[in-house]
Amino acid sequence: VFACGAQFQIHKTPVIIGSFGASAVLLYGAIDSPLGQPRNAFFGHFFGALVGVIISQLFTQVPKDWVSEGQEHAVMWVAGATAMALTLVVMQVTKTVHPPGGATALIAVVQDTAVAMKWYYIGIVVLSISLQICIATLINNIDRRYPIYWWSPKKFPMTFDPTTASTVI
């Protein structure tokens, strides 16, 4: 326990990552939403952290003489937008869209403490979302049913019938 605490201090681990506030809203308040299911929450944050750290490392490795004076912030914001956009693409391709995952990617690029953590940031995010999902599962099952599904829904809420060009609920 003390070794783990020391590692958190060495890497100046933030007490809370901002995007987890939005995840809490989905995991505790919108438990019927596909965006708030465990698979989407876990992989949305994981992909966000992974893409964010990769983009952060690529953009922080740019030689200083390539960037004119005063343009460091512009590079940081381009990196943030790139990380967010790529994370959204990865989440859409893997069908794990979780909007706070995009914020996790953005934080990995624009927040100084997260940039300094480098690859360690991914582990912190995975640990944090795992704990949040476990607690959400315990709390939400007191008087409700959560999760609605762990991996994928048994039946999608809407289907489209191309022969009649109508939506069936």
C-alpha atoms as a PDB file:
ATOM      1  CA  VAL A   1       0.000   0.000   0.000  1.00  0.00           C
ATOM      2  CA  PHE A   2       2.805   2.423   0.900  1.00  0.00           C
ATOM      3  CA  ALA A   3       4.667   1.634  -2.334  1.00  0.00           C
ATOM      4  CA  CYS A   4       1.553   2.411  -4.359  1.00  0.00           C
ATOM      5  CA  GLY A   5       1.083   5.681  -2.473  1.00  0.00           C
ATOM      6  CA  ALA A   6       4.707   6.598  -3.145  1.00  0.00           C
ATOM      7  CA  GLN A   7       4.235   5.993  -6.870  1.00  0.00           C
ATOM      8  CA  PHE A   8       1.201   8.282  -6.872  1.00  0.00           C
ATOM      9  CA  GLN A   9       3.292  11.003  -5.205  1.00  0.00           C
ATOM     10  CA  ILE A  10       6.296  10.524  -7.513  1.00  0.00           C
ATOM     11  CA  HIS A  11       4.159  11.003 -10.614  1.00  0.00           C
ATOM     12  CA  LYS A  12       2.123  13.842  -9.041  1.00  0.00           C
ATOM     13  CA  THR A  13      -1.060  11.951  -9.805  1.00  0.00           C
ATOM     14  CA  PRO A  14      -4.111  14.235  -9.801  1.00  0.00           C
ATOM     15  CA  VAL A  15      -6.704  13.477  -7.140  1.00  0.00           C
ATOM     16  CA  ILE A  16      -9.449  13.512  -9.761  1.00  0.00           C
ATOM     17  CA  ILE A  17      -9.515  13.589 -13.544  1.00  0.00           C
ATOM     18  CA  GLY A  18     -12.118  16.044 -14.807  1.00  0.00           C
ATOM     19  CA  SER A  19     -13.757  13.738 -17.322  1.00  0.00           C
ATOM     20  CA  PHE A  20     -14.835  11.332 -14.577  1.00  0.00           C
ATOM     21  CA  GLY A  21     -17.455  13.810 -13.379  1.00  0.00           C
ATOM     22  CA  ALA A  22     -19.297  13.398 -16.662  1.00  0.00           C
ATOM     23  CA  SER A  23     -18.870   9.620 -16.429  1.00  0.00           C
ATOM     24  CA  ALA A  24     -20.479   9.693 -12.988  1.00  0.00           C
ATOM     25  CA  VAL A  25     -23.546  11.390 -14.484  1.00  0.00           C
ATOM     26  CA  LEU A  26     -23.866   8.609 -17.074  1.00  0.00           C
ATOM     27  CA  LEU A  27     -23.047   5.709 -14.719  1.00  0.00           C
ATOM     28  CA  TYR A  28     -25.345   6.841 -11.897  1.00  0.00           C
ATOM     29  CA  GLY A  29     -27.976   8.997 -13.560  1.00  0.00           C
ATOM     30  CA  ALA A  30     -28.474   7.587 -17.052  1.00  0.00           C
ATOM     31  CA  ILE A  31     -28.133   3.881 -16.392  1.00  0.00           C
ATOM     32  CA  ASP A  32     -30.415   2.917 -19.292  1.00  0.00           C
ATOM     33  CA  SER A  33     -28.264   4.757 -21.814  1.00  0.00           C
ATOM     34  CA  PRO A  34     -25.871   2.718 -23.979  1.00  0.00           C
ATOM     35  CA  LEU A  35     -23.290   5.446 -23.307  1.00  0.00           C
ATOM     36  CA  GLY A  36     -23.377   4.604 -19.603  1.00  0.00           C
ATOM     37  CA  GLN A  37     -22.860   0.851 -19.832  1.00  0.00           C
ATOM     38  CA  PRO A  38     -19.628  -0.666 -18.447  1.00  0.00           C
ATOM     39  CA  ARG A  39     -18.133  -1.654 -21.818  1.00  0.00           C
ATOM     40  CA  ASN A  40     -18.547   1.835 -23.234  1.00  0.00           C
ATOM     41  CA  ALA A  41     -17.314   3.533 -20.065  1.00  0.00           C
ATOM     42  CA  PHE A  42     -14.228   1.360 -19.686  1.00  0.00           C
ATOM     43  CA  PHE A  43     -13.108   1.294 -23.299  1.00  0.00           C
ATOM     44  CA  GLY A  44     -14.117   4.900 -23.968  1.00  0.00           C
ATOM     45  CA  HIS A  45     -11.764   6.083 -21.237  1.00  0.00           C
ATOM     46  CA  PHE A  46      -9.076   3.531 -22.126  1.00  0.00           C
ATOM     47  CA  PHE A  47      -9.014   4.556 -25.784  1.00  0.00           C
ATOM     48  CA  GLY A  48      -9.143   8.217 -24.798  1.00  0.00           C
ATOM     49  CA  ALA A  49      -6.137   7.840 -22.503  1.00  0.00           C
ATOM     50  CA  LEU A  50      -4.193   5.731 -25.018  1.00  0.00           C
ATOM     51  CA  VAL A  51      -4.767   8.042 -27.986  1.00  0.00           C
ATOM     52  CA  GLY A  52      -4.234  11.119 -25.814  1.00  0.00           C
ATOM     53  CA  VAL A  53      -0.875   9.921 -24.528  1.00  0.00           C
ATOM     54  CA  ILE A  54       0.279   8.862 -28.000  1.00  0.00           C
ATOM     55  CA  ILE A  55      -0.628  12.254 -29.484  1.00  0.00           C
ATOM     56  CA  SER A  56       0.889  14.036 -26.488  1.00  0.00           C
ATOM     57  CA  GLN A  57       4.154  12.153 -26.919  1.00  0.00           C
ATOM     58  CA  LEU A  58       4.233  12.826 -30.657  1.00  0.00           C
ATOM     59  CA  PHE A  59       3.573  16.544 -30.277  1.00  0.00           C
ATOM     60  CA  THR A  60       5.919  17.046 -27.311  1.00  0.00           C
ATOM     61  CA  GLN A  61       8.735  15.460 -29.310  1.00  0.00           C
ATOM     62  CA  VAL A  62       8.556  18.199 -31.954  1.00  0.00           C
ATOM     63  CA  PRO A  63      11.923  20.018 -31.964  1.00  0.00           C
ATOM     64  CA  LYS A  64      11.670  23.460 -30.374  1.00  0.00           C
ATOM     65  CA  ASP A  65      13.244  25.165 -33.397  1.00  0.00           C
ATOM     66  CA  TRP A  66      10.305  23.977 -35.558  1.00  0.00           C
ATOM     67  CA  VAL A  67       7.858  26.003 -33.463  1.00  0.00           C
ATOM     68  CA  SER A  68       8.097  29.783 -33.618  1.00  0.00           C
ATOM     69  CA  GLU A  69       8.087  31.732 -30.378  1.00  0.00           C
ATOM     70  CA  GLY A  70       4.612  32.149 -28.954  1.00  0.00           C
ATOM     71  CA  GLN A  71       3.164  29.238 -30.953  1.00  0.00           C
ATOM     72  CA  GLU A  72       3.578  26.568 -28.254  1.00  0.00           C
ATOM     73  CA  HIS A  73      -0.053  26.968 -27.197  1.00  0.00           C
ATOM     74  CA  ALA A  74      -1.260  26.609 -30.782  1.00  0.00           C
ATOM     75  CA  VAL A  75       0.624  23.313 -31.078  1.00  0.00           C
ATOM     76  CA  MET A  76      -0.918  22.147 -27.794  1.00  0.00           C
ATOM     77  CA  TRP A  77      -4.460  22.959 -28.957  1.00  0.00           C
ATOM     78  CA  VAL A  78      -3.936  21.298 -32.343  1.00  0.00           C
ATOM     79  CA  ALA A  79      -2.688  18.237 -30.465  1.00  0.00           C
ATOM     80  CA  GLY A  80      -5.763  18.353 -28.217  1.00  0.00           C
ATOM     81  CA  ALA A  81      -8.176  18.577 -31.133  1.00  0.00           C
ATOM     82  CA  THR A  82      -6.351  15.768 -32.928  1.00  0.00           C
ATOM     83  CA  ALA A  83      -6.453  13.533 -29.849  1.00  0.00           C
ATOM     84  CA  MET A  84     -10.158  14.173 -29.334  1.00  0.00           C
ATOM     85  CA  ALA A  85     -11.021  13.543 -32.994  1.00  0.00           C
ATOM     86  CA  LEU A  86      -8.978  10.333 -33.222  1.00  0.00           C
ATOM     87  CA  THR A  87     -10.469   9.071 -29.977  1.00  0.00           C
ATOM     88  CA  LEU A  88     -13.965   9.632 -31.336  1.00  0.00           C
ATOM     89  CA  VAL A  89     -13.090   7.686 -34.485  1.00  0.00           C
ATOM     90  CA  VAL A  90     -11.650   4.787 -32.457  1.00  0.00           C
ATOM     91  CA  MET A  91     -14.712   4.724 -30.183  1.00  0.00           C
ATOM     92  CA  GLN A  92     -17.077   4.745 -33.170  1.00  0.00           C
ATOM     93  CA  VAL A  93     -15.186   1.956 -34.939  1.00  0.00           C
ATOM     94  CA  THR A  94     -15.155  -0.202 -31.790  1.00  0.00           C
ATOM     95  CA  LYS A  95     -18.756   0.760 -30.858  1.00  0.00           C
ATOM     96  CA  THR A  96     -17.635   1.980 -27.431  1.00  0.00           C
ATOM     97  CA  VAL A  97     -18.696   5.629 -27.586  1.00  0.00           C
ATOM     98  CA  HIS A  98     -18.520   7.257 -24.161  1.00  0.00           C
ATOM     99  CA  PRO A  99     -18.381  11.072 -24.469  1.00  0.00           C
ATOM    100  CA  PRO A 100     -16.176  11.619 -21.379  1.00  0.00           C
ATOM    101  CA  GLY A 101     -13.552   9.447 -23.114  1.00  0.00           C
ATOM    102  CA  GLY A 102     -12.979  12.331 -25.515  1.00  0.00           C
ATOM    103  CA  ALA A 103     -12.323  14.624 -22.574  1.00  0.00           C
ATOM    104  CA  THR A 104      -9.888  12.053 -21.182  1.00  0.00           C
ATOM    105  CA  ALA A 105      -7.929  12.297 -24.448  1.00  0.00           C
ATOM    106  CA  LEU A 106      -7.991  16.092 -24.366  1.00  0.00           C
ATOM    107  CA  ILE A 107      -6.780  16.177 -20.747  1.00  0.00           C
ATOM    108  CA  ALA A 108      -3.857  13.889 -21.635  1.00  0.00           C
ATOM    109  CA  VAL A 109      -2.641  16.523 -24.090  1.00  0.00           C
ATOM    110  CA  VAL A 110      -3.442  19.910 -22.574  1.00  0.00           C
ATOM    111  CA  GLN A 111      -3.129  19.453 -18.802  1.00  0.00           C
ATOM    112  CA  ASP A 112       0.475  19.798 -17.618  1.00  0.00           C
ATOM    113  CA  THR A 113       0.226  17.172 -14.871  1.00  0.00           C
ATOM    114  CA  ALA A 114      -1.238  14.601 -17.285  1.00  0.00           C
ATOM    115  CA  VAL A 115       1.401  15.367 -19.944  1.00  0.00           C
ATOM    116  CA  ALA A 116       4.139  14.925 -17.334  1.00  0.00           C
ATOM    117  CA  MET A 117       2.709  11.535 -16.316  1.00  0.00           C
ATOM    118  CA  LYS A 118       3.188  10.209 -19.864  1.00  0.00           C
ATOM    119  CA  TRP A 119       2.275   6.472 -20.110  1.00  0.00           C
ATOM    120  CA  TYR A 120       1.453   6.287 -16.397  1.00  0.00           C
ATOM    121  CA  TYR A 121      -1.703   8.299 -17.192  1.00  0.00           C
ATOM    122  CA  ILE A 122      -3.241   5.266 -18.941  1.00  0.00           C
ATOM    123  CA  GLY A 123      -2.903   3.131 -15.811  1.00  0.00           C
ATOM    124  CA  ILE A 124      -4.459   5.813 -13.636  1.00  0.00           C
ATOM    125  CA  VAL A 125      -7.404   6.163 -16.003  1.00  0.00           C
ATOM    126  CA  VAL A 126      -7.949   2.382 -16.180  1.00  0.00           C
ATOM    127  CA  LEU A 127      -7.788   2.074 -12.391  1.00  0.00           C
ATOM    128  CA  SER A 128     -10.167   5.015 -11.921  1.00  0.00           C
ATOM    129  CA  ILE A 129     -12.814   3.838 -14.383  1.00  0.00           C
ATOM    130  CA  SER A 130     -12.633   0.280 -13.054  1.00  0.00           C
ATOM    131  CA  LEU A 131     -13.326   1.533  -9.531  1.00  0.00           C
ATOM    132  CA  GLN A 132     -16.106   3.794 -10.763  1.00  0.00           C
ATOM    133  CA  ILE A 133     -17.797   0.922 -12.627  1.00  0.00           C
ATOM    134  CA  CYS A 134     -17.538  -1.371  -9.577  1.00  0.00           C
ATOM    135  CA  ILE A 135     -19.066   1.244  -7.289  1.00  0.00           C
ATOM    136  CA  ALA A 136     -21.776   2.092  -9.846  1.00  0.00           C
ATOM    137  CA  THR A 137     -22.670  -1.595 -10.095  1.00  0.00           C
ATOM    138  CA  LEU A 138     -22.996  -1.899  -6.314  1.00  0.00           C
ATOM    139  CA  ILE A 139     -24.924   1.337  -5.778  1.00  0.00           C
ATOM    140  CA  ASN A 140     -27.233   1.074  -8.794  1.00  0.00           C
ATOM    141  CA  ASN A 141     -28.318  -2.480  -7.943  1.00  0.00           C
ATOM    142  CA  ILE A 142     -29.784  -1.453  -4.601  1.00  0.00           C
ATOM    143  CA  ASP A 143     -33.139  -0.623  -6.165  1.00  0.00           C
ATOM    144  CA  ARG A 144     -32.509  -0.712  -9.928  1.00  0.00           C
ATOM    145  CA  ARG A 145     -30.847  -3.021 -12.444  1.00  0.00           C
ATOM    146  CA  TYR A 146     -27.406  -2.013 -13.667  1.00  0.00           C
ATOM    147  CA  PRO A 147     -25.829  -2.706 -16.031  1.00  0.00           C
ATOM    148  CA  ILE A 148     -28.461  -3.297 -18.635  1.00  0.00           C
ATOM    149  CA  TYR A 149     -25.797  -5.328 -20.440  1.00  0.00           C
ATOM    150  CA  TRP A 150     -22.091  -5.972 -19.933  1.00  0.00           C
ATOM    151  CA  TRP A 151     -20.875  -6.481 -23.463  1.00  0.00           C
ATOM    152  CA  SER A 152     -23.600  -5.710 -25.996  1.00  0.00           C
ATOM    153  CA  PRO A 153     -27.380  -5.300 -25.910  1.00  0.00           C
ATOM    154  CA  LYS A 154     -29.540  -8.356 -26.484  1.00  0.00           C
ATOM    155  CA  LYS A 155     -31.899  -6.287 -28.595  1.00  0.00           C
ATOM    156  CA  PHE A 156     -31.320  -2.834 -29.965  1.00  0.00           C
ATOM    157  CA  PRO A 157     -33.999  -0.324 -28.979  1.00  0.00           C
ATOM    158  CA  MET A 158     -34.820   0.628 -32.591  1.00  0.00           C
ATOM    159  CA  THR A 159     -34.608  -1.128 -35.907  1.00  0.00           C
ATOM    160  CA  PHE A 160     -34.973   0.271 -39.381  1.00  0.00           C
ATOM    161  CA  ASP A 161     -37.011  -1.659 -41.921  1.00  0.00           C
ATOM    162  CA  PRO A 162     -35.797  -0.605 -45.397  1.00  0.00           C
ATOM    163  CA  THR A 163     -38.773  -2.224 -47.154  1.00  0.00           C
ATOM    164  CA  THR A 164     -41.252   0.061 -45.431  1.00  0.00           C
ATOM    165  CA  ALA A 165     -38.780   2.921 -44.802  1.00  0.00           C
ATOM    166  CA  SER A 166     -39.980   3.210 -41.218  1.00  0.00           C
ATOM    167  CA  THR A 167     -38.490   2.883 -37.784  1.00  0.00           C
ATOM    168  CA  VAL A 168     -39.829   0.113 -35.549  1.00  0.00           C
ATOM    169  CA  ILE A 169     -39.614   0.476 -31.780  1.00  0.00           C
END
